[in-house]
Amino acid sequence: MAPKLHTIIASTRPGRVGPGIAKWFNDFAAEHGKFDPVLVDLADFNLPVFDEPEHPRLRNYHHAHTKAWSESVASADAFVFVTPEYNYGPPPSLLNALNYLVAEWQYTPVGFVSYGGISGGLRSVQVTKQILATFKMMPIPEGVPMPMVFQHLDENGDLNAPDIYKTSAATMLDELFRWTEALKSLRAERKTPLKAAA
């Protein structure tokens, strides 16, 4: 069975362009064939600013939104974050979503599809990689930066990907698959049960 890859739309703001970019990548991953790709929209979980009364390492979640997010993340073997850049860093929606969980993230490889202006979101990626290391995640060097991405979006927000995006995506997926297989035994050791709230 192919490992499950979650492509996560990191921006939740109205008017975002992330969904069109993420849909293109998710479809590309399906054609690539090494993963079972799942498109995940962070906005669908409607996570408030972190509001769990207990530390997430305990996995004693009290809120339905946290339990739903935990279940989604725990089901994945690898991730690709589709993210813009906000003030040289990641969107706060992504940081908040990361901080909700601990064990569910562990021993998963991560790739990035980043987009924006001249930097293509690369500064956001570099900041996020430092944070992911604290979750025992493996952010890989290969990525798909999309500078000046707006010129490649049609009137419906769909991405007309140039060849360089496709080449970069294939390279990243190949490497992501290697790490997914290499970390498989460690993921099997993660804690899985959720405790009921008292």
Foldseek 3Di string as FASTA:
>chain_A
DAFEEEEEEQDQDPPDLSVQVSVVLQVLLVVLPRHDYDYHYLNVLVDDQDDAPDQQVQLQGDDPSLVVLLVVLLRGLEYEYEFEADPLATDVSNVRSVRSHALSLAQYEYEYQAADAQVLRVSHVVVVCVVSVVSNYHYDPQYQRYHPQVVQADPVSHGPDDPSNSVSSSVVSVVSSVSSVVSVVVSVPGDDDHDHHD
